[in-house]
Amino acid sequence: MQTFSVFCVSNIFVDERFTSAEVVALTGITLRQLQWWDERRIVVPERQGHRRLYTMTNLTEVAIICELRRRGFPLQRVRKVMRFLQREFGKTLAETVGGTSEYHLLTDGKTIYLETSPREIVDILKHARQPMFAVCLSDAVRQVRAEMRGSRKNCAASSGRTKQRAAS
């Protein structure tokens, strides 16, 4: 039995685009891995000539996939989750998880649960017949957004110092 709770999602950086180098800096993924995911159509960026430009949705998906991979989640299972969400809800993984609710992915290797309710998570864990793997997907999204804010502050500070030097 697959249980999913989904709420509305709001993207705050909808029009922003990120280069491959920026995605690498924000998520810790390697440039080659990012390119491989594009080639396999796991995360497909926009193109501007030969440049890949990633939307906030792409960046969020990369962050979530990175977190799942760091936890030992096989890429095949990640693809399955992404396809299921798209098919069942007409939403991408990033659209589903990018809101303010806490999203937890739980699986026993066969069944996938995406939950927002702590009570439901506890019920799933209590009734599990085998070990469950759990990841807070919302944390991955928050971490990337915090990295973005931090890099923006650093850029603004550098820009301010450059302007001060020019004025001196």
N, C-alpha and C. Protein backbone atom coordinates (compact mmCIF):
# COMPACT_ATOMS: atom_id res chain seq x y z
N MET A 1 0.85 -1.18 0.00
CA MET A 1 0.00 0.00 0.00
C MET A 1 0.89 1.24 0.00
N GLN A 2 0.66 2.15 -0.94
CA GLN A 2 1.46 3.37 -1.01
C GLN A 2 0.60 4.55 -0.56
N THR A 3 1.10 5.27 0.43
CA THR A 3 0.38 6.39 0.99
C THR A 3 1.15 7.66 0.70
N PHE A 4 0.47 8.67 0.17
CA PHE A 4 1.12 9.93 -0.12
C PHE A 4 0.23 11.07 0.34
N SER A 5 0.83 12.04 1.00
CA SER A 5 0.14 13.26 1.40
C SER A 5 0.81 14.40 0.66
N VAL A 6 0.08 15.16 -0.12
CA VAL A 6 0.68 16.21 -0.92
C VAL A 6 -0.05 17.51 -0.69
N PHE A 7 0.70 18.58 -0.53
CA PHE A 7 0.15 19.91 -0.34
C PHE A 7 0.65 20.82 -1.43
N CYS A 8 0.08 22.02 -1.54
CA CYS A 8 0.51 23.00 -2.53
C CYS A 8 1.95 23.40 -2.25
N VAL A 9 2.66 23.72 -3.32
CA VAL A 9 4.06 24.08 -3.24
C VAL A 9 4.25 25.46 -3.83
N SER A 10 5.10 26.26 -3.21
CA SER A 10 5.41 27.56 -3.78
C SER A 10 6.91 27.64 -4.02
N ASN A 11 7.30 27.99 -5.24
CA ASN A 11 8.71 28.18 -5.56
C ASN A 11 9.05 29.64 -5.43
N ILE A 12 10.09 29.94 -4.65
CA ILE A 12 10.43 31.34 -4.43
C ILE A 12 11.47 31.86 -5.41
N PHE A 13 12.20 30.99 -6.07
CA PHE A 13 13.22 31.41 -7.01
C PHE A 13 12.88 30.90 -8.41
N VAL A 14 11.63 31.03 -8.82
CA VAL A 14 11.13 30.41 -10.04
C VAL A 14 11.91 30.80 -11.28
N ASP A 15 12.20 32.08 -11.47
CA ASP A 15 12.83 32.54 -12.71
C ASP A 15 14.34 32.46 -12.71
N GLU A 16 14.94 32.08 -11.61
CA GLU A 16 16.39 32.06 -11.52
C GLU A 16 16.97 30.87 -12.28
N ARG A 17 18.15 31.07 -12.89
CA ARG A 17 18.85 30.01 -13.61
C ARG A 17 20.25 29.87 -13.02
N PHE A 18 20.75 28.65 -12.99
CA PHE A 18 22.04 28.36 -12.40
C PHE A 18 22.91 27.62 -13.41
N THR A 19 24.18 27.97 -13.48
CA THR A 19 25.11 27.27 -14.36
C THR A 19 25.48 25.94 -13.72
N SER A 20 26.12 25.08 -14.48
CA SER A 20 26.59 23.80 -13.94
C SER A 20 27.54 24.03 -12.78
N ALA A 21 28.43 25.00 -12.91
CA ALA A 21 29.40 25.29 -11.84
C ALA A 21 28.68 25.72 -10.56
N GLU A 22 27.63 26.51 -10.68
CA GLU A 22 26.87 26.94 -9.51
C GLU A 22 26.15 25.76 -8.86
N VAL A 23 25.59 24.87 -9.67
CA VAL A 23 24.91 23.68 -9.13
C VAL A 23 25.91 22.81 -8.39
N VAL A 24 27.10 22.65 -8.95
CA VAL A 24 28.15 21.87 -8.30
C VAL A 24 28.51 22.49 -6.96
N ALA A 25 28.68 23.82 -6.94
CA ALA A 25 29.05 24.51 -5.70
C ALA A 25 27.95 24.42 -4.64
N LEU A 26 26.70 24.46 -5.06
CA LEU A 26 25.58 24.46 -4.11
C LEU A 26 25.24 23.07 -3.58
N THR A 27 25.48 22.04 -4.38
CA THR A 27 25.03 20.70 -3.99
C THR A 27 26.15 19.73 -3.64
N GLY A 28 27.36 20.00 -4.09
CA GLY A 28 28.46 19.09 -3.83
C GLY A 28 28.56 17.95 -4.82
N ILE A 29 27.71 17.92 -5.81
CA ILE A 29 27.77 16.90 -6.85
C ILE A 29 28.98 17.20 -7.75
N THR A 30 29.48 16.20 -8.45
CA THR A 30 30.58 16.46 -9.38
C THR A 30 30.01 16.91 -10.72
N LEU A 31 30.82 17.62 -11.46
CA LEU A 31 30.41 18.11 -12.77
C LEU A 31 30.08 16.93 -13.69
N ARG A 32 30.87 15.89 -13.62
CA ARG A 32 30.63 14.71 -14.47
C ARG A 32 29.33 14.02 -14.10
N GLN A 33 29.03 13.93 -12.81
CA GLN A 33 27.78 13.29 -12.38
C GLN A 33 26.59 14.09 -12.89
N LEU A 34 26.67 15.40 -12.80
CA LEU A 34 25.61 16.28 -13.28
C LEU A 34 25.40 16.09 -14.79
N GLN A 35 26.49 16.02 -15.52
CA GLN A 35 26.43 15.80 -16.96
C GLN A 35 25.82 14.42 -17.27
N TRP A 36 26.20 13.42 -16.50
CA TRP A 36 25.69 12.06 -16.71
C TRP A 36 24.19 12.02 -16.48
N TRP A 37 23.71 12.71 -15.43
CA TRP A 37 22.27 12.75 -15.15
C TRP A 37 21.52 13.43 -16.28
N ASP A 38 22.12 14.45 -16.89
CA ASP A 38 21.51 15.10 -18.04
C ASP A 38 21.45 14.13 -19.22
N GLU A 39 22.53 13.44 -19.48
CA GLU A 39 22.58 12.47 -20.58
C GLU A 39 21.55 11.37 -20.40
N ARG A 40 21.29 10.95 -19.18
CA ARG A 40 20.32 9.89 -18.87
C ARG A 40 18.92 10.44 -18.65
N ARG A 41 18.76 11.76 -18.78
CA ARG A 41 17.47 12.44 -18.65
C ARG A 41 16.87 12.28 -17.25
N ILE A 42 17.73 12.25 -16.24
CA ILE A 42 17.28 12.19 -14.85
C ILE A 42 16.93 13.60 -14.39
N VAL A 43 17.85 14.54 -14.63
CA VAL A 43 17.61 15.97 -14.40
C VAL A 43 18.01 16.67 -15.69
N VAL A 44 17.03 17.26 -16.36
CA VAL A 44 17.28 17.84 -17.68
C VAL A 44 17.24 19.37 -17.60
N PRO A 45 18.40 20.01 -17.76
CA PRO A 45 18.44 21.47 -17.70
C PRO A 45 18.01 22.09 -19.03
N GLU A 46 17.83 23.39 -19.00
CA GLU A 46 17.59 24.13 -20.24
C GLU A 46 18.93 24.29 -20.94
N ARG A 47 18.88 24.62 -22.21
CA ARG A 47 20.13 24.82 -22.97
C ARG A 47 20.17 26.25 -23.49
N GLN A 48 21.37 26.81 -23.44
CA GLN A 48 21.62 28.09 -24.07
C GLN A 48 22.92 27.89 -24.84
N GLY A 49 22.77 27.51 -26.10
CA GLY A 49 23.94 27.09 -26.87
C GLY A 49 24.43 25.77 -26.30
N HIS A 50 25.70 25.73 -25.91
CA HIS A 50 26.26 24.52 -25.29
C HIS A 50 26.17 24.56 -23.77
N ARG A 51 25.74 25.68 -23.22
CA ARG A 51 25.64 25.83 -21.76
C ARG A 51 24.38 25.17 -21.23
N ARG A 52 24.53 24.52 -20.09
CA ARG A 52 23.38 23.98 -19.38
C ARG A 52 22.97 25.00 -18.34
N LEU A 53 21.68 25.32 -18.29
CA LEU A 53 21.16 26.23 -17.29
C LEU A 53 20.08 25.51 -16.50
N TYR A 54 20.25 25.49 -15.18
CA TYR A 54 19.35 24.76 -14.29
C TYR A 54 18.38 25.71 -13.61
N THR A 55 17.12 25.32 -13.59
CA THR A 55 16.09 26.10 -12.89
C THR A 55 16.14 25.74 -11.41
N MET A 56 15.38 26.47 -10.61
CA MET A 56 15.29 26.15 -9.19
C MET A 56 14.71 24.74 -9.01
N THR A 57 13.78 24.37 -9.86
CA THR A 57 13.22 23.02 -9.81
C THR A 57 14.31 21.99 -10.05
N ASN A 58 15.14 22.21 -11.09
CA ASN A 58 16.25 21.30 -11.36
C ASN A 58 17.20 21.22 -10.17
N LEU A 59 17.54 22.38 -9.62
CA LEU A 59 18.47 22.44 -8.50
C LEU A 59 17.91 21.69 -7.29
N THR A 60 16.64 21.85 -7.02
CA THR A 60 16.00 21.14 -5.91
C THR A 60 16.05 19.64 -6.13
N GLU A 61 15.76 19.21 -7.35
CA GLU A 61 15.81 17.78 -7.65
C GLU A 61 17.23 17.23 -7.49
N VAL A 62 18.23 17.97 -7.96
CA VAL A 62 19.61 17.54 -7.80
C VAL A 62 19.94 17.38 -6.32
N ALA A 63 19.53 18.35 -5.51
CA ALA A 63 19.81 18.30 -4.07
C ALA A 63 19.15 17.08 -3.42
N ILE A 64 17.92 16.83 -3.78
CA ILE A 64 17.20 15.68 -3.20
C ILE A 64 17.83 14.37 -3.65
N ILE A 65 18.14 14.28 -4.92
CA ILE A 65 18.76 13.05 -5.43
C ILE A 65 20.12 12.84 -4.77
N CYS A 66 20.90 13.91 -4.61
CA CYS A 66 22.21 13.81 -3.94
C CYS A 66 22.05 13.28 -2.52
N GLU A 67 21.06 13.80 -1.81
CA GLU A 67 20.83 13.36 -0.43
C GLU A 67 20.44 11.87 -0.40
N LEU A 68 19.57 11.46 -1.29
CA LEU A 68 19.17 10.05 -1.35
C LEU A 68 20.36 9.17 -1.71
N ARG A 69 21.18 9.62 -2.66
CA ARG A 69 22.36 8.84 -3.06
C ARG A 69 23.37 8.75 -1.91
N ARG A 70 23.56 9.87 -1.18
CA ARG A 70 24.48 9.86 -0.03
C ARG A 70 24.03 8.85 1.02
N ARG A 71 22.75 8.64 1.10
CA ARG A 71 22.20 7.70 2.08
C ARG A 71 22.15 6.27 1.55
N GLY A 72 22.69 6.06 0.34
CA GLY A 72 22.75 4.71 -0.21
C GLY A 72 21.54 4.31 -1.03
N PHE A 73 20.69 5.26 -1.36
CA PHE A 73 19.49 4.98 -2.14
C PHE A 73 19.91 4.74 -3.59
N PRO A 74 19.59 3.60 -4.19
CA PRO A 74 19.99 3.34 -5.58
C PRO A 74 19.31 4.31 -6.56
N LEU A 75 20.04 4.69 -7.59
CA LEU A 75 19.52 5.62 -8.58
C LEU A 75 18.25 5.09 -9.24
N GLN A 76 18.17 3.79 -9.43
CA GLN A 76 16.97 3.19 -10.01
C GLN A 76 15.75 3.47 -9.12
N ARG A 77 15.91 3.39 -7.81
CA ARG A 77 14.81 3.66 -6.89
C ARG A 77 14.45 5.15 -6.91
N VAL A 78 15.46 6.02 -7.03
CA VAL A 78 15.21 7.46 -7.13
C VAL A 78 14.37 7.75 -8.37
N ARG A 79 14.74 7.15 -9.48
CA ARG A 79 13.97 7.33 -10.72
C ARG A 79 12.53 6.88 -10.53
N LYS A 80 12.36 5.77 -9.84
CA LYS A 80 11.02 5.22 -9.59
C LYS A 80 10.17 6.21 -8.79
N VAL A 81 10.76 6.81 -7.76
CA VAL A 81 10.06 7.80 -6.95
C VAL A 81 9.65 8.99 -7.82
N MET A 82 10.59 9.47 -8.62
CA MET A 82 10.33 10.64 -9.47
C MET A 82 9.21 10.34 -10.47
N ARG A 83 9.26 9.17 -11.09
CA ARG A 83 8.21 8.80 -12.06
C ARG A 83 6.86 8.64 -11.38
N PHE A 84 6.86 8.02 -10.20
CA PHE A 84 5.61 7.81 -9.47
C PHE A 84 4.94 9.15 -9.16
N LEU A 85 5.71 10.10 -8.63
CA LEU A 85 5.15 11.41 -8.30
C LEU A 85 4.60 12.11 -9.55
N GLN A 86 5.35 12.03 -10.63
CA GLN A 86 4.91 12.67 -11.87
C GLN A 86 3.61 12.03 -12.37
N ARG A 87 3.57 10.72 -12.33
CA ARG A 87 2.41 9.99 -12.84
C ARG A 87 1.18 10.17 -11.93
N GLU A 88 1.37 10.03 -10.63
CA GLU A 88 0.26 10.07 -9.70
C GLU A 88 -0.26 11.47 -9.41
N PHE A 89 0.64 12.43 -9.33
CA PHE A 89 0.25 13.77 -8.91
C PHE A 89 0.45 14.83 -9.98
N GLY A 90 1.09 14.46 -11.08
CA GLY A 90 1.37 15.44 -12.12
C GLY A 90 2.37 16.48 -11.65
N LYS A 91 3.17 16.11 -10.67
CA LYS A 91 4.16 17.02 -10.11
C LYS A 91 5.53 16.36 -10.11
N THR A 92 6.56 17.18 -10.22
CA THR A 92 7.91 16.66 -10.10
C THR A 92 8.24 16.48 -8.63
N LEU A 93 9.33 15.81 -8.38
CA LEU A 93 9.81 15.63 -7.02
C LEU A 93 10.05 16.98 -6.36
N ALA A 94 10.63 17.92 -7.09
CA ALA A 94 10.91 19.25 -6.54
C ALA A 94 9.63 20.01 -6.22
N GLU A 95 8.63 19.92 -7.08
CA GLU A 95 7.37 20.61 -6.83
C GLU A 95 6.67 20.04 -5.60
N THR A 96 6.76 18.75 -5.41
CA THR A 96 6.11 18.10 -4.28
C THR A 96 6.80 18.46 -2.97
N VAL A 97 8.11 18.43 -2.96
CA VAL A 97 8.88 18.58 -1.73
C VAL A 97 9.27 20.02 -1.44
N GLY A 98 9.20 20.92 -2.41
CA GLY A 98 9.72 22.27 -2.27
C GLY A 98 8.93 23.21 -1.39
N GLY A 99 7.82 22.80 -0.82
CA GLY A 99 7.00 23.70 0.00
C GLY A 99 7.47 23.77 1.44
N THR A 100 6.57 24.21 2.29
CA THR A 100 6.92 24.42 3.70
C THR A 100 6.69 23.18 4.56
N SER A 101 5.98 22.19 4.07
CA SER A 101 5.73 20.97 4.85
C SER A 101 6.99 20.13 4.93
N GLU A 102 7.06 19.31 5.96
CA GLU A 102 8.15 18.35 6.13
C GLU A 102 7.79 17.09 5.35
N TYR A 103 8.61 16.72 4.39
CA TYR A 103 8.37 15.51 3.62
C TYR A 103 9.41 14.47 3.98
N HIS A 104 8.93 13.27 4.31
CA HIS A 104 9.80 12.17 4.67
C HIS A 104 9.53 11.02 3.70
N LEU A 105 10.60 10.51 3.14
CA LEU A 105 10.52 9.36 2.25
C LEU A 105 10.90 8.14 3.07
N LEU A 106 10.03 7.14 3.04
CA LEU A 106 10.29 5.90 3.75
C LEU A 106 10.12 4.75 2.77
N THR A 107 10.98 3.76 2.89
CA THR A 107 10.83 2.59 2.05
C THR A 107 11.40 1.37 2.75
N ASP A 108 10.83 0.23 2.43
CA ASP A 108 11.35 -1.04 2.93
C ASP A 108 12.03 -1.79 1.79
N GLY A 109 12.22 -1.12 0.68
CA GLY A 109 12.84 -1.74 -0.48
C GLY A 109 11.82 -2.12 -1.53
N LYS A 110 10.58 -2.24 -1.13
CA LYS A 110 9.50 -2.60 -2.06
C LYS A 110 8.47 -1.49 -2.15
N THR A 111 8.03 -1.02 -1.01
CA THR A 111 6.99 0.00 -0.96
C THR A 111 7.62 1.35 -0.65
N ILE A 112 7.11 2.38 -1.30
CA ILE A 112 7.61 3.74 -1.08
C ILE A 112 6.49 4.56 -0.44
N TYR A 113 6.86 5.28 0.62
CA TYR A 113 5.91 6.16 1.29
C TYR A 113 6.49 7.57 1.27
N LEU A 114 5.66 8.54 1.00
CA LEU A 114 6.04 9.95 1.10
C LEU A 114 5.04 10.56 2.06
N GLU A 115 5.51 10.95 3.23
CA GLU A 115 4.61 11.40 4.29
C GLU A 115 4.97 12.78 4.81
N THR A 116 3.95 13.50 5.25
CA THR A 116 4.14 14.80 5.90
C THR A 116 3.70 14.74 7.36
N SER A 117 2.95 13.75 7.70
CA SER A 117 2.39 13.64 9.05
C SER A 117 3.29 12.78 9.95
N PRO A 118 3.79 13.36 11.04
CA PRO A 118 4.60 12.57 11.98
C PRO A 118 3.86 11.33 12.49
N ARG A 119 2.57 11.47 12.67
CA ARG A 119 1.75 10.35 13.15
C ARG A 119 1.76 9.20 12.14
N GLU A 120 1.61 9.54 10.85
CA GLU A 120 1.64 8.52 9.79
C GLU A 120 3.01 7.85 9.71
N ILE A 121 4.06 8.64 9.88
CA ILE A 121 5.41 8.09 9.84
C ILE A 121 5.60 7.07 10.97
N VAL A 122 5.15 7.43 12.15
CA VAL A 122 5.26 6.53 13.31
C VAL A 122 4.44 5.26 13.05
N ASP A 123 3.23 5.41 12.51
CA ASP A 123 2.39 4.24 12.20
C ASP A 123 3.07 3.32 11.20
N ILE A 124 3.68 3.89 10.17
CA ILE A 124 4.37 3.08 9.17
C ILE A 124 5.52 2.33 9.82
N LEU A 125 6.29 3.03 10.64
CA LEU A 125 7.44 2.41 11.29
C LEU A 125 7.01 1.34 12.29
N LYS A 126 5.91 1.57 13.02
CA LYS A 126 5.42 0.60 14.00
C LYS A 126 4.96 -0.69 13.33
N HIS A 127 4.36 -0.56 12.15
CA HIS A 127 3.78 -1.72 11.49
C HIS A 127 4.69 -2.33 10.43
N ALA A 128 5.90 -1.84 10.34
CA ALA A 128 6.84 -2.37 9.34
C ALA A 128 7.27 -3.78 9.74
N ARG A 129 7.33 -4.65 8.77
CA ARG A 129 7.74 -6.02 9.03
C ARG A 129 9.22 -6.23 8.79
N GLN A 130 9.85 -5.22 8.21
CA GLN A 130 11.30 -5.26 8.00
C GLN A 130 11.85 -3.86 8.17
N PRO A 131 13.17 -3.72 8.24
CA PRO A 131 13.75 -2.39 8.46
C PRO A 131 13.29 -1.39 7.39
N MET A 132 13.11 -0.15 7.83
CA MET A 132 12.68 0.93 6.94
C MET A 132 13.83 1.91 6.77
N PHE A 133 13.93 2.44 5.60
CA PHE A 133 14.90 3.47 5.27
C PHE A 133 14.13 4.79 5.23
N ALA A 134 14.58 5.80 5.98
CA ALA A 134 13.85 7.07 6.04
C ALA A 134 14.79 8.24 5.79
N VAL A 135 14.31 9.21 5.01
CA VAL A 135 15.07 10.42 4.70
C VAL A 135 14.11 11.61 4.74
N CYS A 136 14.54 12.70 5.37
CA CYS A 136 13.75 13.93 5.35
C CYS A 136 14.15 14.69 4.09
N LEU A 137 13.30 14.65 3.08
CA LEU A 137 13.60 15.31 1.81
C LEU A 137 13.58 16.83 1.95
N SER A 138 12.76 17.33 2.83
CA SER A 138 12.66 18.78 3.04
C SER A 138 13.98 19.36 3.53
N ASP A 139 14.74 18.60 4.31
CA ASP A 139 16.03 19.07 4.79
C ASP A 139 16.99 19.33 3.63
N ALA A 140 16.97 18.48 2.62
CA ALA A 140 17.84 18.67 1.45
C ALA A 140 17.50 19.97 0.73
N VAL A 141 16.21 20.27 0.62
CA VAL A 141 15.77 21.50 -0.04
C VAL A 141 16.21 22.71 0.78
N ARG A 142 16.01 22.65 2.09
CA ARG A 142 16.41 23.76 2.96
C ARG A 142 17.91 24.00 2.92
N GLN A 143 18.67 22.92 2.86
CA GLN A 143 20.13 23.04 2.84
C GLN A 143 20.60 23.76 1.57
N VAL A 144 20.03 23.44 0.43
CA VAL A 144 20.42 24.11 -0.82
C VAL A 144 20.01 25.57 -0.78
N ARG A 145 18.83 25.85 -0.28
CA ARG A 145 18.39 27.25 -0.21
C ARG A 145 19.28 28.05 0.74
N ALA A 146 19.72 27.43 1.83
CA ALA A 146 20.64 28.11 2.75
C ALA A 146 21.97 28.37 2.06
N GLU A 147 22.45 27.39 1.30
CA GLU A 147 23.69 27.58 0.54
C GLU A 147 23.55 28.73 -0.44
N MET A 148 22.38 28.82 -1.09
CA MET A 148 22.14 29.90 -2.05
C MET A 148 22.19 31.25 -1.35
N ARG A 149 21.52 31.34 -0.20
CA ARG A 149 21.51 32.61 0.53
C ARG A 149 22.92 32.97 0.97
N GLY A 150 23.68 31.98 1.42
CA GLY A 150 25.06 32.22 1.85
C GLY A 150 25.93 32.69 0.70
N SER A 151 25.79 32.08 -0.46
CA SER A 151 26.61 32.48 -1.60
C SER A 151 26.20 33.86 -2.10
N ARG A 152 24.93 34.20 -2.00
CA ARG A 152 24.47 35.54 -2.40
C ARG A 152 25.05 36.60 -1.46
N LYS A 153 25.08 36.29 -0.14
CA LYS A 153 25.63 37.24 0.81
C LYS A 153 27.11 37.46 0.53
N ASN A 154 27.83 36.36 0.23
CA ASN A 154 29.25 36.49 -0.09
C ASN A 154 29.48 37.32 -1.34
N CYS A 155 28.64 37.11 -2.35
CA CYS A 155 28.74 37.88 -3.59
C CYS A 155 28.45 39.35 -3.33
N ALA A 156 27.43 39.62 -2.53
CA ALA A 156 27.06 41.00 -2.21
C ALA A 156 28.18 41.67 -1.43
N ALA A 157 28.77 40.96 -0.48
CA ALA A 157 29.86 41.52 0.31
C ALA A 157 31.07 41.81 -0.58
N SER A 158 31.41 40.88 -1.46
CA SER A 158 32.53 41.08 -2.39
C SER A 158 32.27 42.25 -3.30
N SER A 159 31.05 42.34 -3.79
CA SER A 159 30.66 43.44 -4.67
C SER A 159 30.77 44.77 -3.94
N GLY A 160 30.36 44.82 -2.67
CA GLY A 160 30.43 46.04 -1.87
C GLY A 160 31.86 46.47 -1.64
N ARG A 161 32.77 45.50 -1.37
CA ARG A 161 34.18 45.83 -1.17
C ARG A 161 34.80 46.35 -2.45
N THR A 162 34.42 45.79 -3.58
CA THR A 162 34.94 46.24 -4.86
C THR A 162 34.50 47.67 -5.13
N LYS A 163 33.26 48.00 -4.84
CA LYS A 163 32.75 49.35 -5.05
C LYS A 163 33.47 50.34 -4.13
N GLN A 164 33.75 49.92 -2.88
CA GLN A 164 34.45 50.80 -1.94
C GLN A 164 35.86 51.10 -2.43
N ARG A 165 36.56 50.08 -2.92
CA ARG A 165 37.91 50.27 -3.43
C ARG A 165 37.90 51.21 -4.63
N ALA A 166 36.92 51.05 -5.49
CA ALA A 166 36.83 51.88 -6.68
C ALA A 166 36.57 53.35 -6.30
N ALA A 167 35.80 53.55 -5.24
CA ALA A 167 35.47 54.92 -4.81
C ALA A 167 36.66 55.58 -4.12
N SER A 168 37.59 54.80 -3.54
CA SER A 168 38.73 55.35 -2.80
C SER A 168 39.74 56.01 -3.70
